[in-house]
Amino acid sequence: MNPLAPTVAAPGAEVLLAEPRGFCAGVDRAIDIVEHALAKFGAPIYVRHEIVHNTYVVDDLKRKGAVFIEDLDDVPPGATLIFSAHGVSKAIQHQAHERGFQVFDATCPLVTKVHVEVAKLAREGYEFLMIGHKGHPEVEGTMGQLSEGIHLVEDVADVARVEPRQTDLLAVVTQTTLSMDDAAEILAAVKARFPKVREPKQQDICYATQNRQDAVKVMSPQVDVVIVVGSPTSSNSNRLREVAEKLGTSSYMIDSADELQAHWLEGAQRVGVTAGASAPEVLVRDVVQRLKALGAVSVRTLDGITETVKFPLPKGLRLEPGTPADPSMPLA
């Protein structure tokens, strides 16, 4: 510890690490897709939207040769294009196909599952209510699976206002990175107004989002303050901070250890740390080091679920034996 650094935490302060935290299988797969494409085809590799919502990850991939774009007009003919983990609309898929790009889809398989369900039920004549946040790329991608008949509801008030054309065949889907509690509240309002609404066979909110929120619920009552490592654009990271706040624990979200404010820790005996599903473990390690510099003397990982989910890479991205997919420092 730097003897000149300010010590603001309580004497003997402890850091508690949530478990699980950080990268999920969908994020691992998306980053691997970009790195395998760079290794196999060389730079530049074009990626529509941030591959995942984390500044460190995106900047690291930029240094390796990834070019992040929003408009397909910015992709040159014959280029390799990757769709981000959040998914894209049918219109974007069609546009990329028409332009002849070599496309690899890094959409999280759990988001793809929602897309498949929407397409299947639409063929059966269903309309949809989608619970999610306006402007989020996952929401735009899911709603963009249809040209009509899908309506966004962001809160309970929206449920009272929405006017589907018919209610006999009405289904609900959700953004995968929502707060479980908020989604349950909105879904209850949907069911109260539309008793015949069809719910997903399995919960749309992904296993990783659920596990990380559950871990914060376990951790929050044990600590004086919660630090969430995640970028401002990360939906699931924002939800982790909100979960802690709703449990009455002061909570702050930071993109890196440099953003950690000493006054947040004044008098804290225990500091909880977690990370959103798109935040690499190296950032957590940096935050722990910063907390130690501010007075924390021990670190303990809480018991939690061990995640074993793995998603395969798309065809065409297998590397020859001995080809490094990531020649520089690993993200996690």
C-alpha atoms as a PDB file:
ATOM      1  CA  MET A   1       0.000   0.000   0.000  1.00  0.00           C
ATOM      2  CA  ASN A   2       1.197   3.519  -0.770  1.00  0.00           C
ATOM      3  CA  PRO A   3       1.853   5.124   2.653  1.00  0.00           C
ATOM      4  CA  LEU A   4       0.918   8.519   1.202  1.00  0.00           C
ATOM      5  CA  ALA A   5      -2.456   7.349  -0.121  1.00  0.00           C
ATOM      6  CA  PRO A   6      -5.548   8.434   1.836  1.00  0.00           C
ATOM      7  CA  THR A   7      -7.117   5.768   4.034  1.00  0.00           C
ATOM      8  CA  VAL A   8     -10.858   6.342   4.172  1.00  0.00           C
ATOM      9  CA  ALA A   9     -12.357   2.909   4.803  1.00  0.00           C
ATOM     10  CA  ALA A  10     -12.839   1.755   8.390  1.00  0.00           C
ATOM     11  CA  PRO A  11      -9.897   0.034  10.125  1.00  0.00           C
ATOM     12  CA  GLY A  12      -9.703  -3.604   9.018  1.00  0.00           C
ATOM     13  CA  ALA A  13     -12.124  -3.014   6.124  1.00  0.00           C
ATOM     14  CA  GLU A  14     -12.968  -6.051   3.995  1.00  0.00           C
ATOM     15  CA  VAL A  15     -13.822  -6.411   0.305  1.00  0.00           C
ATOM     16  CA  LEU A  16     -16.523  -8.949  -0.561  1.00  0.00           C
ATOM     17  CA  LEU A  17     -16.613 -10.187  -4.156  1.00  0.00           C
ATOM     18  CA  ALA A  18     -19.930 -11.327  -5.599  1.00  0.00           C
ATOM     19  CA  GLU A  19     -20.063 -14.741  -7.237  1.00  0.00           C
ATOM     20  CA  PRO A  20     -20.779 -15.027 -10.106  1.00  0.00           C
ATOM     21  CA  ARG A  21     -19.689 -11.751 -11.654  1.00  0.00           C
ATOM     22  CA  GLY A  22     -18.236 -10.536 -14.938  1.00  0.00           C
ATOM     23  CA  PHE A  23     -18.161 -12.262 -18.309  1.00  0.00           C
ATOM     24  CA  CYS A  24     -21.013 -14.565 -19.297  1.00  0.00           C
ATOM     25  CA  ALA A  25     -20.952 -17.214 -22.021  1.00  0.00           C
ATOM     26  CA  GLY A  26     -22.543 -14.917 -24.607  1.00  0.00           C
ATOM     27  CA  VAL A  27     -19.935 -12.203 -24.033  1.00  0.00           C
ATOM     28  CA  ASP A  28     -17.074 -14.738 -24.108  1.00  0.00           C
ATOM     29  CA  ARG A  29     -18.369 -16.053 -27.426  1.00  0.00           C
ATOM     30  CA  ALA A  30     -18.827 -12.599 -28.970  1.00  0.00           C
ATOM     31  CA  ILE A  31     -15.295 -11.490 -28.111  1.00  0.00           C
ATOM     32  CA  ASP A  32     -13.888 -14.816 -29.317  1.00  0.00           C
ATOM     33  CA  ILE A  33     -15.672 -14.344 -32.648  1.00  0.00           C
ATOM     34  CA  VAL A  34     -13.971 -10.983 -33.227  1.00  0.00           C
ATOM     35  CA  GLU A  35     -10.559 -12.266 -32.157  1.00  0.00           C
ATOM     36  CA  HIS A  36     -10.829 -15.432 -34.257  1.00  0.00           C
ATOM     37  CA  ALA A  37     -11.902 -13.370 -37.278  1.00  0.00           C
ATOM     38  CA  LEU A  38      -8.908 -11.053 -36.818  1.00  0.00           C
ATOM     39  CA  ALA A  39      -6.558 -14.037 -36.538  1.00  0.00           C
ATOM     40  CA  LYS A  40      -8.030 -15.822 -39.549  1.00  0.00           C
ATOM     41  CA  PHE A  41      -8.731 -12.971 -41.977  1.00  0.00           C
ATOM     42  CA  GLY A  42      -6.557 -10.140 -40.683  1.00  0.00           C
ATOM     43  CA  ALA A  43      -7.452  -6.543 -39.886  1.00  0.00           C
ATOM     44  CA  PRO A  44      -9.642  -4.713 -40.392  1.00  0.00           C
ATOM     45  CA  ILE A  45     -12.685  -6.622 -39.205  1.00  0.00           C
ATOM     46  CA  TYR A  46     -15.873  -4.560 -39.110  1.00  0.00           C
ATOM     47  CA  VAL A  47     -18.311  -4.884 -36.209  1.00  0.00           C
ATOM     48  CA  ARG A  48     -21.773  -3.402 -36.257  1.00  0.00           C
ATOM     49  CA  HIS A  49     -22.268  -1.670 -32.911  1.00  0.00           C
ATOM     50  CA  GLU A  50     -20.065  -2.299 -29.878  1.00  0.00           C
ATOM     51  CA  ILE A  51     -19.542  -6.067 -29.741  1.00  0.00           C
ATOM     52  CA  VAL A  52     -20.469  -5.869 -26.042  1.00  0.00           C
ATOM     53  CA  HIS A  53     -21.133  -2.793 -23.936  1.00  0.00           C
ATOM     54  CA  ASN A  54     -17.772  -2.341 -22.247  1.00  0.00           C
ATOM     55  CA  THR A  55     -15.262   0.419 -22.953  1.00  0.00           C
ATOM     56  CA  TYR A  56     -12.190  -1.657 -22.043  1.00  0.00           C
ATOM     57  CA  VAL A  57     -13.215  -4.547 -24.292  1.00  0.00           C
ATOM     58  CA  VAL A  58     -14.061  -2.311 -27.246  1.00  0.00           C
ATOM     59  CA  ASP A  59     -10.837  -0.288 -26.941  1.00  0.00           C
ATOM     60  CA  ASP A  60      -8.795  -3.507 -26.696  1.00  0.00           C
ATOM     61  CA  LEU A  61     -10.367  -4.889 -29.876  1.00  0.00           C
ATOM     62  CA  LYS A  62      -9.873  -1.574 -31.679  1.00  0.00           C
ATOM     63  CA  ARG A  63      -6.160  -1.815 -30.972  1.00  0.00           C
ATOM     64  CA  LYS A  64      -6.151  -5.284 -32.536  1.00  0.00           C
ATOM     65  CA  GLY A  65      -7.845  -4.102 -35.729  1.00  0.00           C
ATOM     66  CA  ALA A  66     -11.611  -4.166 -35.144  1.00  0.00           C
ATOM     67  CA  VAL A  67     -13.543  -1.243 -36.621  1.00  0.00           C
ATOM     68  CA  PHE A  68     -16.867  -0.501 -34.917  1.00  0.00           C
ATOM     69  CA  ILE A  69     -19.575   1.035 -37.089  1.00  0.00           C
ATOM     70  CA  GLU A  70     -23.304   1.760 -36.823  1.00  0.00           C
ATOM     71  CA  ASP A  71     -24.128   2.233 -40.502  1.00  0.00           C
ATOM     72  CA  LEU A  72     -23.388  -0.474 -43.058  1.00  0.00           C
ATOM     73  CA  ASP A  73     -22.513   2.301 -45.513  1.00  0.00           C
ATOM     74  CA  ASP A  74     -19.242   2.550 -43.582  1.00  0.00           C
ATOM     75  CA  VAL A  75     -18.275  -1.045 -44.461  1.00  0.00           C
ATOM     76  CA  PRO A  76     -16.289  -1.431 -47.724  1.00  0.00           C
ATOM     77  CA  PRO A  77     -17.278  -4.028 -50.338  1.00  0.00           C
ATOM     78  CA  GLY A  78     -16.020  -7.542 -49.668  1.00  0.00           C
ATOM     79  CA  ALA A  79     -15.273  -6.846 -46.001  1.00  0.00           C
ATOM     80  CA  THR A  80     -15.843  -9.201 -43.081  1.00  0.00           C
ATOM     81  CA  LEU A  81     -18.692  -7.975 -40.866  1.00  0.00           C
ATOM     82  CA  ILE A  82     -19.696  -9.161 -37.400  1.00  0.00           C
ATOM     83  CA  PHE A  83     -23.053  -8.483 -35.751  1.00  0.00           C
ATOM     84  CA  SER A  84     -22.779  -7.592 -32.062  1.00  0.00           C
ATOM     85  CA  ALA A  85     -23.953  -9.784 -29.183  1.00  0.00           C
ATOM     86  CA  HIS A  86     -27.179  -7.767 -28.944  1.00  0.00           C
ATOM     87  CA  GLY A  87     -28.590  -8.962 -32.277  1.00  0.00           C
ATOM     88  CA  VAL A  88     -29.826  -7.049 -35.300  1.00  0.00           C
ATOM     89  CA  SER A  89     -33.066  -6.547 -37.185  1.00  0.00           C
ATOM     90  CA  LYS A  90     -34.120  -8.506 -40.267  1.00  0.00           C
ATOM     91  CA  ALA A  91     -33.560  -5.326 -42.291  1.00  0.00           C
ATOM     92  CA  ILE A  92     -29.890  -5.142 -41.243  1.00  0.00           C
ATOM     93  CA  GLN A  93     -29.408  -8.845 -41.983  1.00  0.00           C
ATOM     94  CA  HIS A  94     -30.939  -8.381 -45.431  1.00  0.00           C
ATOM     95  CA  GLN A  95     -28.858  -5.279 -46.141  1.00  0.00           C
ATOM     96  CA  ALA A  96     -25.630  -7.081 -45.201  1.00  0.00           C
ATOM     97  CA  HIS A  97     -26.545 -10.046 -47.402  1.00  0.00           C
ATOM     98  CA  GLU A  98     -27.393  -7.795 -50.356  1.00  0.00           C
ATOM     99  CA  ARG A  99     -24.015  -6.069 -50.109  1.00  0.00           C
ATOM    100  CA  GLY A 100     -22.140  -9.356 -50.159  1.00  0.00           C
ATOM    101  CA  PHE A 101     -20.255  -8.994 -46.885  1.00  0.00           C
ATOM    102  CA  GLN A 102     -18.780 -12.061 -45.225  1.00  0.00           C
ATOM    103  CA  VAL A 103     -20.966 -12.061 -42.118  1.00  0.00           C
ATOM    104  CA  PHE A 104     -20.459 -13.719 -38.747  1.00  0.00           C
ATOM    105  CA  ASP A 105     -23.262 -13.376 -36.228  1.00  0.00           C
ATOM    106  CA  ALA A 106     -22.144 -12.853 -32.615  1.00  0.00           C
ATOM    107  CA  THR A 107     -25.719 -12.491 -31.356  1.00  0.00           C
ATOM    108  CA  CYS A 108     -25.987 -14.166 -27.971  1.00  0.00           C
ATOM    109  CA  PRO A 109     -27.768 -17.515 -28.443  1.00  0.00           C
ATOM    110  CA  LEU A 110     -30.189 -16.546 -25.667  1.00  0.00           C
ATOM    111  CA  VAL A 111     -31.190 -13.460 -27.663  1.00  0.00           C
ATOM    112  CA  THR A 112     -31.465 -15.598 -30.792  1.00  0.00           C
ATOM    113  CA  LYS A 113     -33.854 -17.848 -28.857  1.00  0.00           C
ATOM    114  CA  VAL A 114     -36.171 -14.867 -28.390  1.00  0.00           C
ATOM    115  CA  HIS A 115     -35.922 -14.026 -32.103  1.00  0.00           C
ATOM    116  CA  VAL A 116     -36.843 -17.601 -33.037  1.00  0.00           C
ATOM    117  CA  GLU A 117     -39.837 -17.556 -30.678  1.00  0.00           C
ATOM    118  CA  VAL A 118     -41.057 -14.262 -32.151  1.00  0.00           C
ATOM    119  CA  ALA A 119     -40.786 -15.591 -35.705  1.00  0.00           C
ATOM    120  CA  LYS A 120     -42.566 -18.851 -34.837  1.00  0.00           C
ATOM    121  CA  LEU A 121     -45.484 -17.208 -33.056  1.00  0.00           C
ATOM    122  CA  ALA A 122     -45.788 -14.480 -35.689  1.00  0.00           C
ATOM    123  CA  ARG A 123     -46.398 -17.202 -38.276  1.00  0.00           C
ATOM    124  CA  GLU A 124     -49.240 -18.402 -36.060  1.00  0.00           C
ATOM    125  CA  GLY A 125     -50.834 -14.936 -36.085  1.00  0.00           C
ATOM    126  CA  TYR A 126     -49.611 -13.556 -32.758  1.00  0.00           C
ATOM    127  CA  GLU A 127     -48.968  -9.935 -31.884  1.00  0.00           C
ATOM    128  CA  PHE A 128     -46.355  -9.117 -29.237  1.00  0.00           C
ATOM    129  CA  LEU A 129     -45.694  -6.932 -26.265  1.00  0.00           C
ATOM    130  CA  MET A 130     -41.966  -6.522 -25.640  1.00  0.00           C
ATOM    131  CA  ILE A 131     -40.803  -5.518 -22.171  1.00  0.00           C
ATOM    132  CA  GLY A 132     -37.576  -3.577 -22.574  1.00  0.00           C
ATOM    133  CA  HIS A 133     -35.771  -0.245 -22.822  1.00  0.00           C
ATOM    134  CA  LYS A 134     -36.360   1.962 -25.850  1.00  0.00           C
ATOM    135  CA  GLY A 135     -33.233   2.495 -27.945  1.00  0.00           C
ATOM    136  CA  HIS A 136     -31.306  -0.480 -26.572  1.00  0.00           C
ATOM    137  CA  PRO A 137     -29.820  -2.422 -29.514  1.00  0.00           C
ATOM    138  CA  GLU A 138     -31.212  -5.730 -28.275  1.00  0.00           C
ATOM    139  CA  VAL A 139     -34.714  -4.260 -28.217  1.00  0.00           C
ATOM    140  CA  GLU A 140     -34.241  -2.779 -31.685  1.00  0.00           C
ATOM    141  CA  GLY A 141     -33.008  -6.132 -32.955  1.00  0.00           C
ATOM    142  CA  THR A 142     -35.868  -8.144 -31.472  1.00  0.00           C
ATOM    143  CA  MET A 143     -38.576  -5.704 -32.508  1.00  0.00           C
ATOM    144  CA  GLY A 144     -36.932  -5.565 -35.938  1.00  0.00           C
ATOM    145  CA  GLN A 145     -37.659  -9.260 -36.473  1.00  0.00           C
ATOM    146  CA  LEU A 146     -41.142  -8.119 -37.541  1.00  0.00           C
ATOM    147  CA  SER A 147     -42.356  -5.268 -39.717  1.00  0.00           C
ATOM    148  CA  GLU A 148     -45.463  -4.781 -37.557  1.00  0.00           C
ATOM    149  CA  GLY A 149     -47.391  -6.224 -34.652  1.00  0.00           C
ATOM    150  CA  ILE A 150     -44.810  -5.816 -31.862  1.00  0.00           C
ATOM    151  CA  HIS A 151     -45.255  -3.130 -29.212  1.00  0.00           C
ATOM    152  CA  LEU A 152     -42.692  -1.900 -26.664  1.00  0.00           C
ATOM    153  CA  VAL A 153     -43.687  -1.481 -23.016  1.00  0.00           C
ATOM    154  CA  GLU A 154     -41.057   0.047 -20.737  1.00  0.00           C
ATOM    155  CA  ASP A 155     -43.086   0.274 -17.530  1.00  0.00           C
ATOM    156  CA  VAL A 156     -46.474  -0.388 -15.969  1.00  0.00           C
ATOM    157  CA  ALA A 157     -47.857   2.900 -17.337  1.00  0.00           C
ATOM    158  CA  ASP A 158     -47.046   1.763 -20.882  1.00  0.00           C
ATOM    159  CA  VAL A 159     -49.071  -1.406 -20.302  1.00  0.00           C
ATOM    160  CA  ALA A 160     -52.164   0.694 -19.628  1.00  0.00           C
ATOM    161  CA  ARG A 161     -51.628   2.675 -22.849  1.00  0.00           C
ATOM    162  CA  VAL A 162     -50.671   0.014 -25.359  1.00  0.00           C
ATOM    163  CA  GLU A 163     -53.311  -0.855 -27.965  1.00  0.00           C
ATOM    164  CA  PRO A 164     -52.653  -4.096 -29.865  1.00  0.00           C
ATOM    165  CA  ARG A 165     -54.938  -4.710 -32.846  1.00  0.00           C
ATOM    166  CA  GLN A 166     -56.253  -7.908 -31.262  1.00  0.00           C
ATOM    167  CA  THR A 167     -55.850  -9.707 -27.954  1.00  0.00           C
ATOM    168  CA  ASP A 168     -56.866 -13.282 -28.757  1.00  0.00           C
ATOM    169  CA  LEU A 169     -53.347 -14.076 -29.962  1.00  0.00           C
ATOM    170  CA  LEU A 170     -51.021 -11.938 -27.876  1.00  0.00           C
ATOM    171  CA  ALA A 171     -47.602 -12.965 -26.567  1.00  0.00           C
ATOM    172  CA  VAL A 172     -45.040 -11.254 -24.345  1.00  0.00           C
ATOM    173  CA  VAL A 173     -41.243 -11.311 -24.716  1.00  0.00           C
ATOM    174  CA  THR A 174     -38.597  -9.475 -22.717  1.00  0.00           C
ATOM    175  CA  GLN A 175     -35.163  -7.975 -23.140  1.00  0.00           C
ATOM    176  CA  THR A 176     -32.706 -10.491 -21.700  1.00  0.00           C
ATOM    177  CA  THR A 177     -30.826  -8.031 -19.447  1.00  0.00           C
ATOM    178  CA  LEU A 178     -33.676  -6.498 -17.438  1.00  0.00           C
ATOM    179  CA  SER A 179     -34.102  -6.328 -13.691  1.00  0.00           C
ATOM    180  CA  MET A 180     -35.971  -9.515 -12.798  1.00  0.00           C
ATOM    181  CA  ASP A 181     -38.084  -7.662 -10.240  1.00  0.00           C
ATOM    182  CA  ASP A 182     -39.011  -4.839 -12.636  1.00  0.00           C
ATOM    183  CA  ALA A 183     -39.830  -7.304 -15.413  1.00  0.00           C
ATOM    184  CA  ALA A 184     -42.036  -9.327 -13.049  1.00  0.00           C
ATOM    185  CA  GLU A 185     -43.939  -6.187 -12.058  1.00  0.00           C
ATOM    186  CA  ILE A 186     -44.554  -5.199 -15.687  1.00  0.00           C
ATOM    187  CA  LEU A 187     -45.495  -8.758 -16.631  1.00  0.00           C
ATOM    188  CA  ALA A 188     -48.050  -8.834 -13.795  1.00  0.00           C
ATOM    189  CA  ALA A 189     -49.616  -5.671 -15.215  1.00  0.00           C
ATOM    190  CA  VAL A 190     -49.680  -7.228 -18.696  1.00  0.00           C
ATOM    191  CA  LYS A 191     -51.414 -10.350 -17.382  1.00  0.00           C
ATOM    192  CA  ALA A 192     -53.916  -8.276 -15.428  1.00  0.00           C
ATOM    193  CA  ARG A 193     -54.930  -6.330 -18.539  1.00  0.00           C
ATOM    194  CA  PHE A 194     -54.563  -9.197 -21.037  1.00  0.00           C
ATOM    195  CA  PRO A 195     -55.420 -12.395 -19.121  1.00  0.00           C
ATOM    196  CA  LYS A 196     -54.974 -14.615 -22.193  1.00  0.00           C
ATOM    197  CA  VAL A 197     -51.468 -13.356 -22.985  1.00  0.00           C
ATOM    198  CA  ARG A 198     -48.945 -16.056 -23.797  1.00  0.00           C
ATOM    199  CA  GLU A 199     -45.777 -16.009 -21.712  1.00  0.00           C
ATOM    200  CA  PRO A 200     -42.432 -17.419 -22.879  1.00  0.00           C
ATOM    201  CA  LYS A 201     -42.015 -21.140 -22.234  1.00  0.00           C
ATOM    202  CA  GLN A 202     -38.808 -20.261 -20.422  1.00  0.00           C
ATOM    203  CA  GLN A 203     -37.956 -16.911 -18.874  1.00  0.00           C
ATOM    204  CA  ASP A 204     -36.378 -14.591 -21.448  1.00  0.00           C
ATOM    205  CA  ILE A 205     -34.122 -12.909 -18.879  1.00  0.00           C
ATOM    206  CA  CYS A 206     -30.851 -14.762 -19.292  1.00  0.00           C
ATOM    207  CA  TYR A 207     -29.273 -17.059 -16.723  1.00  0.00           C
ATOM    208  CA  ALA A 208     -26.261 -14.754 -16.278  1.00  0.00           C
ATOM    209  CA  THR A 209     -28.389 -11.664 -15.639  1.00  0.00           C
ATOM    210  CA  GLN A 210     -30.438 -13.611 -13.096  1.00  0.00           C
ATOM    211  CA  ASN A 211     -27.387 -15.110 -11.380  1.00  0.00           C
ATOM    212  CA  ARG A 212     -25.599 -11.764 -11.057  1.00  0.00           C
ATOM    213  CA  GLN A 213     -28.690 -10.049  -9.669  1.00  0.00           C
ATOM    214  CA  ASP A 214     -29.220 -12.895  -7.184  1.00  0.00           C
ATOM    215  CA  ALA A 215     -25.570 -12.585  -6.093  1.00  0.00           C
ATOM    216  CA  VAL A 216     -26.011  -8.856  -5.460  1.00  0.00           C
ATOM    217  CA  LYS A 217     -29.126  -9.586  -3.405  1.00  0.00           C
ATOM    218  CA  VAL A 218     -27.048 -11.917  -1.240  1.00  0.00           C
ATOM    219  CA  MET A 219     -24.120  -9.499  -0.973  1.00  0.00           C
ATOM    220  CA  SER A 220     -25.877  -6.164  -0.445  1.00  0.00           C
ATOM    221  CA  PRO A 221     -27.158  -6.747   3.122  1.00  0.00           C
ATOM    222  CA  GLN A 222     -23.623  -7.743   4.167  1.00  0.00           C
ATOM    223  CA  VAL A 223     -21.843  -4.580   3.000  1.00  0.00           C
ATOM    224  CA  ASP A 224     -21.913  -0.815   3.509  1.00  0.00           C
ATOM    225  CA  VAL A 225     -21.443   0.074  -0.143  1.00  0.00           C
ATOM    226  CA  VAL A 226     -21.582  -1.796  -3.465  1.00  0.00           C
ATOM    227  CA  ILE A 227     -19.269  -1.038  -6.396  1.00  0.00           C
ATOM    228  CA  VAL A 228     -20.461  -2.315  -9.780  1.00  0.00           C
ATOM    229  CA  VAL A 229     -17.822  -2.566 -12.499  1.00  0.00           C
ATOM    230  CA  GLY A 230     -19.485  -1.847 -15.824  1.00  0.00           C
ATOM    231  CA  SER A 231     -19.844   0.720 -18.584  1.00  0.00           C
ATOM    232  CA  PRO A 232     -22.730   3.243 -18.618  1.00  0.00           C
ATOM    233  CA  THR A 233     -24.176   1.662 -21.784  1.00  0.00           C
ATOM    234  CA  SER A 234     -24.382  -1.795 -20.178  1.00  0.00           C
ATOM    235  CA  SER A 235     -27.991  -2.599 -19.319  1.00  0.00           C
ATOM    236  CA  ASN A 236     -27.221  -5.536 -17.045  1.00  0.00           C
ATOM    237  CA  SER A 237     -24.559  -3.523 -15.157  1.00  0.00           C
ATOM    238  CA  ASN A 238     -27.016  -0.683 -14.541  1.00  0.00           C
ATOM    239  CA  ARG A 239     -29.532  -3.198 -13.237  1.00  0.00           C
ATOM    240  CA  LEU A 240     -26.990  -4.547 -10.725  1.00  0.00           C
ATOM    241  CA  ARG A 241     -26.528  -1.085  -9.253  1.00  0.00           C
ATOM    242  CA  GLU A 242     -30.301  -0.607  -9.093  1.00  0.00           C
ATOM    243  CA  VAL A 243     -30.791  -3.952  -7.326  1.00  0.00           C
ATOM    244  CA  ALA A 244     -28.357  -2.922  -4.582  1.00  0.00           C
ATOM    245  CA  GLU A 245     -29.942   0.525  -4.255  1.00  0.00           C
ATOM    246  CA  LYS A 246     -33.415  -0.971  -3.889  1.00  0.00           C
ATOM    247  CA  LEU A 247     -32.102  -3.088  -1.029  1.00  0.00           C
ATOM    248  CA  GLY A 248     -30.989   0.087   0.731  1.00  0.00           C
ATOM    249  CA  THR A 249     -27.244  -0.190   0.061  1.00  0.00           C
ATOM    250  CA  SER A 250     -25.363   2.728  -1.440  1.00  0.00           C
ATOM    251  CA  SER A 251     -24.206   1.631  -4.876  1.00  0.00           C
ATOM    252  CA  TYR A 252     -22.013   3.106  -7.571  1.00  0.00           C
ATOM    253  CA  MET A 253     -21.147   1.978 -11.099  1.00  0.00           C
ATOM    254  CA  ILE A 254     -17.677   2.625 -12.494  1.00  0.00           C
ATOM    255  CA  ASP A 255     -16.033   1.936 -15.848  1.00  0.00           C
ATOM    256  CA  SER A 256     -12.583   1.556 -14.274  1.00  0.00           C
ATOM    257  CA  ALA A 257     -10.750   1.844 -10.961  1.00  0.00           C
ATOM    258  CA  ASP A 258      -9.838   5.456 -11.807  1.00  0.00           C
ATOM    259  CA  GLU A 259     -13.486   6.434 -11.355  1.00  0.00           C
ATOM    260  CA  LEU A 260     -13.680   5.106  -7.785  1.00  0.00           C
ATOM    261  CA  GLN A 261     -14.265   8.030  -5.407  1.00  0.00           C
ATOM    262  CA  ALA A 262     -12.659   7.817  -1.966  1.00  0.00           C
ATOM    263  CA  HIS A 263     -15.537   9.595  -0.207  1.00  0.00           C
ATOM    264  CA  TRP A 264     -17.894   6.733  -1.177  1.00  0.00           C
ATOM    265  CA  LEU A 265     -15.994   4.539   1.265  1.00  0.00           C
ATOM    266  CA  GLU A 266     -15.856   6.812   4.312  1.00  0.00           C
ATOM    267  CA  GLY A 267     -16.288   4.642   7.377  1.00  0.00           C
ATOM    268  CA  ALA A 268     -17.130   1.529   5.351  1.00  0.00           C
ATOM    269  CA  GLN A 269     -16.336  -1.740   7.122  1.00  0.00           C
ATOM    270  CA  ARG A 270     -17.254  -3.939   4.159  1.00  0.00           C
ATOM    271  CA  VAL A 271     -17.263  -3.022   0.477  1.00  0.00           C
ATOM    272  CA  GLY A 272     -19.051  -5.243  -2.025  1.00  0.00           C
ATOM    273  CA  VAL A 273     -17.759  -5.545  -5.587  1.00  0.00           C
ATOM    274  CA  THR A 274     -19.450  -7.101  -8.590  1.00  0.00           C
ATOM    275  CA  ALA A 275     -19.160  -6.748 -12.360  1.00  0.00           C
ATOM    276  CA  GLY A 276     -21.625  -6.748 -15.220  1.00  0.00           C
ATOM    277  CA  ALA A 277     -21.666  -9.589 -17.731  1.00  0.00           C
ATOM    278  CA  SER A 278     -19.581  -7.579 -20.228  1.00  0.00           C
ATOM    279  CA  ALA A 279     -16.897  -6.433 -17.754  1.00  0.00           C
ATOM    280  CA  PRO A 280     -13.596  -8.375 -17.733  1.00  0.00           C
ATOM    281  CA  GLU A 281     -12.042  -9.645 -14.503  1.00  0.00           C
ATOM    282  CA  VAL A 282      -8.922  -7.530 -15.017  1.00  0.00           C
ATOM    283  CA  LEU A 283     -11.055  -4.464 -14.178  1.00  0.00           C
ATOM    284  CA  VAL A 284     -12.246  -6.103 -10.962  1.00  0.00           C
ATOM    285  CA  ARG A 285      -8.647  -6.774  -9.982  1.00  0.00           C
ATOM    286  CA  ASP A 286      -7.796  -3.112 -10.586  1.00  0.00           C
ATOM    287  CA  VAL A 287     -10.723  -2.021  -8.397  1.00  0.00           C
ATOM    288  CA  VAL A 288      -9.636  -4.348  -5.586  1.00  0.00           C
ATOM    289  CA  GLN A 289      -6.126  -2.863  -5.715  1.00  0.00           C
ATOM    290  CA  ARG A 290      -7.596   0.634  -5.523  1.00  0.00           C
ATOM    291  CA  LEU A 291      -9.733  -0.386  -2.531  1.00  0.00           C
ATOM    292  CA  LYS A 292      -6.657  -1.757  -0.782  1.00  0.00           C
ATOM    293  CA  ALA A 293      -4.908   1.563  -1.365  1.00  0.00           C
ATOM    294  CA  LEU A 294      -7.872   3.252   0.334  1.00  0.00           C
ATOM    295  CA  GLY A 295      -7.718   1.081   3.422  1.00  0.00           C
ATOM    296  CA  ALA A 296      -9.185  -2.359   2.707  1.00  0.00           C
ATOM    297  CA  VAL A 297      -7.044  -5.099   4.240  1.00  0.00           C
ATOM    298  CA  SER A 298      -8.697  -8.344   3.120  1.00  0.00           C
ATOM    299  CA  VAL A 299     -10.655  -9.776   0.201  1.00  0.00           C
ATOM    300  CA  ARG A 300     -13.212 -12.584   0.356  1.00  0.00           C
ATOM    301  CA  THR A 301     -15.250 -14.175  -2.432  1.00  0.00           C
ATOM    302  CA  LEU A 302     -18.797 -15.060  -1.443  1.00  0.00           C
ATOM    303  CA  ASP A 303     -20.281 -18.446  -2.217  1.00  0.00           C
ATOM    304  CA  GLY A 304     -22.352 -18.504  -5.376  1.00  0.00           C
ATOM    305  CA  ILE A 305     -23.408 -20.432  -8.446  1.00  0.00           C
ATOM    306  CA  THR A 306     -20.647 -21.799 -10.667  1.00  0.00           C
ATOM    307  CA  GLU A 307     -21.528 -21.155 -14.302  1.00  0.00           C
ATOM    308  CA  THR A 308     -20.528 -23.801 -16.833  1.00  0.00           C
ATOM    309  CA  VAL A 309     -22.445 -22.615 -19.920  1.00  0.00           C
ATOM    310  CA  LYS A 310     -20.412 -22.489 -23.146  1.00  0.00           C
ATOM    311  CA  PHE A 311     -21.589 -21.460 -26.609  1.00  0.00           C
ATOM    312  CA  PRO A 312     -19.858 -22.685 -29.799  1.00  0.00           C
ATOM    313  CA  LEU A 313     -18.360 -20.353 -32.377  1.00  0.00           C
ATOM    314  CA  PRO A 314     -20.004 -19.978 -35.812  1.00  0.00           C
ATOM    315  CA  LYS A 315     -18.838 -22.206 -38.623  1.00  0.00           C
ATOM    316  CA  GLY A 316     -15.941 -20.800 -40.588  1.00  0.00           C
ATOM    317  CA  LEU A 317     -14.023 -19.386 -37.636  1.00  0.00           C
ATOM    318  CA  ARG A 318     -12.045 -22.433 -36.584  1.00  0.00           C
ATOM    319  CA  LEU A 319      -8.336 -21.724 -36.512  1.00  0.00           C
ATOM    320  CA  GLU A 320      -5.509 -23.964 -37.570  1.00  0.00           C
ATOM    321  CA  PRO A 321      -3.736 -25.590 -34.615  1.00  0.00           C
ATOM    322  CA  GLY A 322      -1.195 -23.196 -33.148  1.00  0.00           C
ATOM    323  CA  THR A 323      -2.859 -20.018 -34.482  1.00  0.00           C
ATOM    324  CA  PRO A 324      -3.237 -17.545 -31.598  1.00  0.00           C
ATOM    325  CA  ALA A 325      -6.706 -15.995 -31.459  1.00  0.00           C
ATOM    326  CA  ASP A 326      -5.479 -13.311 -29.095  1.00  0.00           C
ATOM    327  CA  PRO A 327      -1.772 -12.559 -29.333  1.00  0.00           C
ATOM    328  CA  SER A 328      -1.872  -9.739 -26.779  1.00  0.00           C
ATOM    329  CA  MET A 329      -2.716  -9.617 -23.094  1.00  0.00           C
ATOM    330  CA  PRO A 330      -5.925 -11.543 -22.309  1.00  0.00           C
ATOM    331  CA  LEU A 331      -9.014  -9.623 -21.285  1.00  0.00           C
ATOM    332  CA  ALA A 332      -9.724 -11.740 -18.238  1.00  0.00           C
END
